[in-house]
């Protein structure tokens, strides 16, 4: 991708005022469009509330609705598995809701390009943009580009 195309691409997915949910896998920061996140579910006890989101628990995944496919985002991205710790982000994908286990959910952030400048990043695969916030770099995820492990499919 040429450098002249990068800012336009970033502006399409990172519009001023867009709400982003920030989360981590290890030391790496990631972001999701807030409107794609249906729920943030605590895996264990003692997790602090996420500013800007209602609290939930594993019981909320059943709730009389169809079951949600659960996937470790670490495993899906080829990172070492840390087991069932962290939080589950239930996100809307084109094939239905999928729960992705992440290490930590940081907060909801309203994107402001003046305060959170976009970075020139090679966009590929599941990364659609990169920006600076809270003293670090954050990668915006395209949930539809995440390859689910073999045998796992989102419910229809």
C-alpha atoms as a PDB file:
ATOM      1  CA  UNK A   1       0.000   0.000   0.000  1.00  0.00           C
ATOM      2  CA  UNK A   2       1.389   3.420  -0.820  1.00  0.00           C
ATOM      3  CA  UNK A   3       1.847   6.032   1.876  1.00  0.00           C
ATOM      4  CA  UNK A   4      -0.683   8.303   0.182  1.00  0.00           C
ATOM      5  CA  UNK A   5      -3.425   5.687   0.708  1.00  0.00           C
ATOM      6  CA  UNK A   6      -2.715   4.946   4.370  1.00  0.00           C
ATOM      7  CA  UNK A   7      -4.307   8.105   5.888  1.00  0.00           C
ATOM      8  CA  UNK A   8      -7.511   7.698   3.847  1.00  0.00           C
ATOM      9  CA  UNK A   9      -7.802   4.052   4.904  1.00  0.00           C
ATOM     10  CA  UNK A  10      -7.303   4.980   8.560  1.00  0.00           C
ATOM     11  CA  UNK A  11      -9.890   7.768   8.345  1.00  0.00           C
ATOM     12  CA  UNK A  12     -12.536   5.361   6.992  1.00  0.00           C
ATOM     13  CA  UNK A  13     -12.291   3.059  10.004  1.00  0.00           C
ATOM     14  CA  UNK A  14     -11.197   5.594  12.631  1.00  0.00           C
ATOM     15  CA  UNK A  15     -13.684   8.418  12.450  1.00  0.00           C
ATOM     16  CA  UNK A  16     -13.570  11.235  15.024  1.00  0.00           C
ATOM     17  CA  UNK A  17     -15.940  10.471  17.895  1.00  0.00           C
ATOM     18  CA  UNK A  18     -16.039   6.711  17.205  1.00  0.00           C
ATOM     19  CA  UNK A  19     -16.119   4.674  20.416  1.00  0.00           C
ATOM     20  CA  UNK A  20     -13.419   2.009  20.686  1.00  0.00           C
ATOM     21  CA  UNK A  21     -13.039  -0.755  23.252  1.00  0.00           C
ATOM     22  CA  UNK A  22      -9.363  -1.114  24.173  1.00  0.00           C
ATOM     23  CA  UNK A  23      -8.019  -4.502  25.275  1.00  0.00           C
ATOM     24  CA  UNK A  24      -4.714  -6.337  25.601  1.00  0.00           C
ATOM     25  CA  UNK A  25      -3.112  -9.612  24.739  1.00  0.00           C
ATOM     26  CA  UNK A  26       0.085  -9.601  26.780  1.00  0.00           C
ATOM     27  CA  UNK A  27       1.867  -6.296  26.232  1.00  0.00           C
ATOM     28  CA  UNK A  28       0.138  -5.589  22.888  1.00  0.00           C
ATOM     29  CA  UNK A  29      -2.802  -3.190  22.707  1.00  0.00           C
ATOM     30  CA  UNK A  30      -5.799  -3.865  20.474  1.00  0.00           C
ATOM     31  CA  UNK A  31      -9.050  -2.031  19.801  1.00  0.00           C
ATOM     32  CA  UNK A  32     -12.502  -2.911  18.558  1.00  0.00           C
ATOM     33  CA  UNK A  33     -15.300  -0.703  17.338  1.00  0.00           C
ATOM     34  CA  UNK A  34     -17.580  -0.431  20.395  1.00  0.00           C
ATOM     35  CA  UNK A  35     -20.718  -1.082  18.336  1.00  0.00           C
ATOM     36  CA  UNK A  36     -19.390  -4.558  17.430  1.00  0.00           C
ATOM     37  CA  UNK A  37     -18.981  -5.571  21.091  1.00  0.00           C
ATOM     38  CA  UNK A  38     -22.222  -7.049  22.385  1.00  0.00           C
ATOM     39  CA  UNK A  39     -20.935  -7.931  25.832  1.00  0.00           C
ATOM     40  CA  UNK A  40     -17.808  -8.178  27.981  1.00  0.00           C
ATOM     41  CA  UNK A  41     -17.991 -11.256  30.195  1.00  0.00           C
ATOM     42  CA  UNK A  42     -15.878 -11.861  33.301  1.00  0.00           C
ATOM     43  CA  UNK A  43     -14.215 -15.273  33.315  1.00  0.00           C
ATOM     44  CA  UNK A  44     -13.301 -15.226  36.997  1.00  0.00           C
ATOM     45  CA  UNK A  45     -14.053 -13.302  40.146  1.00  0.00           C
ATOM     46  CA  UNK A  46     -12.365 -10.081  41.111  1.00  0.00           C
ATOM     47  CA  UNK A  47     -12.276  -8.331  37.744  1.00  0.00           C
ATOM     48  CA  UNK A  48     -12.754  -4.573  38.112  1.00  0.00           C
ATOM     49  CA  UNK A  49     -15.610  -2.944  36.212  1.00  0.00           C
ATOM     50  CA  UNK A  50     -14.770  -1.682  32.727  1.00  0.00           C
ATOM     51  CA  UNK A  51     -15.571   2.032  32.509  1.00  0.00           C
ATOM     52  CA  UNK A  52     -18.368   2.574  29.998  1.00  0.00           C
ATOM     53  CA  UNK A  53     -19.695  -1.012  30.044  1.00  0.00           C
ATOM     54  CA  UNK A  54     -22.281  -2.897  32.085  1.00  0.00           C
ATOM     55  CA  UNK A  55     -20.935  -5.761  34.214  1.00  0.00           C
ATOM     56  CA  UNK A  56     -21.653  -9.332  33.119  1.00  0.00           C
ATOM     57  CA  UNK A  57     -20.730 -12.889  34.070  1.00  0.00           C
ATOM     58  CA  UNK A  58     -20.405 -16.282  32.402  1.00  0.00           C
ATOM     59  CA  UNK A  59     -24.079 -16.911  33.200  1.00  0.00           C
ATOM     60  CA  UNK A  60     -24.938 -14.232  30.664  1.00  0.00           C
ATOM     61  CA  UNK A  61     -23.604 -16.366  27.815  1.00  0.00           C
ATOM     62  CA  UNK A  62     -26.442 -18.892  28.159  1.00  0.00           C
ATOM     63  CA  UNK A  63     -29.389 -16.661  28.898  1.00  0.00           C
ATOM     64  CA  UNK A  64     -31.885 -18.777  26.938  1.00  0.00           C
ATOM     65  CA  UNK A  65     -30.296 -17.684  23.668  1.00  0.00           C
ATOM     66  CA  UNK A  66     -28.329 -19.810  21.249  1.00  0.00           C
ATOM     67  CA  UNK A  67     -24.847 -20.716  22.499  1.00  0.00           C
ATOM     68  CA  UNK A  68     -21.917 -18.548  21.525  1.00  0.00           C
ATOM     69  CA  UNK A  69     -18.721 -20.010  20.013  1.00  0.00           C
ATOM     70  CA  UNK A  70     -15.811 -19.306  22.383  1.00  0.00           C
ATOM     71  CA  UNK A  71     -12.280 -18.848  21.064  1.00  0.00           C
ATOM     72  CA  UNK A  72      -9.028 -17.768  22.693  1.00  0.00           C
ATOM     73  CA  UNK A  73      -7.922 -14.764  20.648  1.00  0.00           C
ATOM     74  CA  UNK A  74      -4.339 -15.658  21.631  1.00  0.00           C
ATOM     75  CA  UNK A  75      -4.685 -19.085  20.009  1.00  0.00           C
ATOM     76  CA  UNK A  76      -6.468 -17.658  16.943  1.00  0.00           C
ATOM     77  CA  UNK A  77      -3.581 -15.202  16.412  1.00  0.00           C
ATOM     78  CA  UNK A  78      -0.879 -17.827  16.986  1.00  0.00           C
ATOM     79  CA  UNK A  79       0.204 -16.556  20.425  1.00  0.00           C
ATOM     80  CA  UNK A  80       0.944 -18.800  23.435  1.00  0.00           C
ATOM     81  CA  UNK A  81      -2.198 -19.890  25.277  1.00  0.00           C
ATOM     82  CA  UNK A  82      -2.520 -18.649  28.881  1.00  0.00           C
ATOM     83  CA  UNK A  83      -5.543 -20.734  29.776  1.00  0.00           C
ATOM     84  CA  UNK A  84      -8.986 -19.526  30.843  1.00  0.00           C
ATOM     85  CA  UNK A  85      -8.063 -16.181  32.385  1.00  0.00           C
ATOM     86  CA  UNK A  86      -9.181 -12.712  31.380  1.00  0.00           C
ATOM     87  CA  UNK A  87     -12.434 -11.587  29.824  1.00  0.00           C
ATOM     88  CA  UNK A  88     -14.567 -12.706  26.932  1.00  0.00           C
ATOM     89  CA  UNK A  89     -15.522 -10.143  24.300  1.00  0.00           C
ATOM     90  CA  UNK A  90     -18.737 -11.273  22.613  1.00  0.00           C
ATOM     91  CA  UNK A  91     -18.570  -9.558  19.241  1.00  0.00           C
ATOM     92  CA  UNK A  92     -20.843  -9.382  16.230  1.00  0.00           C
ATOM     93  CA  UNK A  93     -19.342 -11.011  13.138  1.00  0.00           C
ATOM     94  CA  UNK A  94     -20.871 -11.595   9.729  1.00  0.00           C
ATOM     95  CA  UNK A  95     -21.545 -15.233  10.722  1.00  0.00           C
ATOM     96  CA  UNK A  96     -23.032 -14.434  14.136  1.00  0.00           C
ATOM     97  CA  UNK A  97     -21.771 -13.676  17.654  1.00  0.00           C
ATOM     98  CA  UNK A  98     -18.399 -15.092  18.731  1.00  0.00           C
ATOM     99  CA  UNK A  99     -16.813 -14.880  22.180  1.00  0.00           C
ATOM    100  CA  UNK A 100     -13.081 -14.112  22.105  1.00  0.00           C
ATOM    101  CA  UNK A 101     -11.029 -14.626  25.270  1.00  0.00           C
ATOM    102  CA  UNK A 102      -8.623 -11.704  25.820  1.00  0.00           C
ATOM    103  CA  UNK A 103      -6.138 -11.024  28.621  1.00  0.00           C
ATOM    104  CA  UNK A 104      -7.434  -7.657  29.783  1.00  0.00           C
ATOM    105  CA  UNK A 105     -10.100  -5.124  28.858  1.00  0.00           C
ATOM    106  CA  UNK A 106      -8.790  -1.604  29.469  1.00  0.00           C
ATOM    107  CA  UNK A 107     -11.598   0.844  28.722  1.00  0.00           C
ATOM    108  CA  UNK A 108     -13.881   2.469  26.180  1.00  0.00           C
ATOM    109  CA  UNK A 109     -12.255   5.412  24.400  1.00  0.00           C
ATOM    110  CA  UNK A 110     -13.841   8.017  22.137  1.00  0.00           C
ATOM    111  CA  UNK A 111     -11.440   8.404  19.205  1.00  0.00           C
ATOM    112  CA  UNK A 112     -10.042  11.896  18.625  1.00  0.00           C
ATOM    113  CA  UNK A 113      -7.345  12.139  15.924  1.00  0.00           C
ATOM    114  CA  UNK A 114      -5.864  15.229  17.621  1.00  0.00           C
ATOM    115  CA  UNK A 115      -5.362  13.355  20.916  1.00  0.00           C
ATOM    116  CA  UNK A 116      -4.916   9.855  19.452  1.00  0.00           C
ATOM    117  CA  UNK A 117      -2.950  10.269  16.220  1.00  0.00           C
ATOM    118  CA  UNK A 118      -3.178   7.521  13.605  1.00  0.00           C
ATOM    119  CA  UNK A 119       0.055   5.692  12.871  1.00  0.00           C
ATOM    120  CA  UNK A 120       1.467   4.782   9.503  1.00  0.00           C
ATOM    121  CA  UNK A 121       1.125   1.024   9.682  1.00  0.00           C
ATOM    122  CA  UNK A 122       1.185  -1.759   7.143  1.00  0.00           C
ATOM    123  CA  UNK A 123      -2.457  -2.787   7.197  1.00  0.00           C
ATOM    124  CA  UNK A 124      -3.021  -6.442   6.506  1.00  0.00           C
ATOM    125  CA  UNK A 125      -5.015  -9.408   7.678  1.00  0.00           C
ATOM    126  CA  UNK A 126      -7.042  -8.566  10.764  1.00  0.00           C
ATOM    127  CA  UNK A 127      -5.463  -5.108  11.431  1.00  0.00           C
ATOM    128  CA  UNK A 128      -7.388  -2.235   9.829  1.00  0.00           C
ATOM    129  CA  UNK A 129      -5.708   0.753  11.544  1.00  0.00           C
ATOM    130  CA  UNK A 130      -3.220   1.733  14.219  1.00  0.00           C
ATOM    131  CA  UNK A 131      -3.256   4.734  16.542  1.00  0.00           C
ATOM    132  CA  UNK A 132      -1.598   6.148  19.661  1.00  0.00           C
ATOM    133  CA  UNK A 133      -3.464   6.419  22.976  1.00  0.00           C
ATOM    134  CA  UNK A 134      -2.732   6.061  26.687  1.00  0.00           C
ATOM    135  CA  UNK A 135       1.020   6.133  26.052  1.00  0.00           C
ATOM    136  CA  UNK A 136       1.059   3.218  23.601  1.00  0.00           C
ATOM    137  CA  UNK A 137       0.156   1.879  20.208  1.00  0.00           C
ATOM    138  CA  UNK A 138      -3.224   0.180  19.553  1.00  0.00           C
ATOM    139  CA  UNK A 139      -4.228  -2.004  16.594  1.00  0.00           C
ATOM    140  CA  UNK A 140      -7.841  -1.872  15.378  1.00  0.00           C
ATOM    141  CA  UNK A 141      -9.164  -5.390  14.722  1.00  0.00           C
ATOM    142  CA  UNK A 142     -11.437  -6.606  11.938  1.00  0.00           C
ATOM    143  CA  UNK A 143     -13.229  -9.488  13.690  1.00  0.00           C
ATOM    144  CA  UNK A 144     -14.378 -10.951  10.376  1.00  0.00           C
ATOM    145  CA  UNK A 145     -10.740 -11.467   9.344  1.00  0.00           C
ATOM    146  CA  UNK A 146      -9.867 -13.595  12.407  1.00  0.00           C
ATOM    147  CA  UNK A 147      -9.551 -17.243  11.412  1.00  0.00           C
ATOM    148  CA  UNK A 148     -11.413 -19.436  13.850  1.00  0.00           C
ATOM    149  CA  UNK A 149      -9.637 -22.651  14.882  1.00  0.00           C
ATOM    150  CA  UNK A 150     -10.651 -25.825  13.025  1.00  0.00           C
ATOM    151  CA  UNK A 151     -13.991 -27.160  14.194  1.00  0.00           C
ATOM    152  CA  UNK A 152     -15.142 -23.823  15.640  1.00  0.00           C
ATOM    153  CA  UNK A 153     -17.852 -21.914  13.821  1.00  0.00           C
ATOM    154  CA  UNK A 154     -20.085 -19.074  14.868  1.00  0.00           C
ATOM    155  CA  UNK A 155     -23.696 -20.107  15.467  1.00  0.00           C
ATOM    156  CA  UNK A 156     -26.116 -19.060  12.752  1.00  0.00           C
END
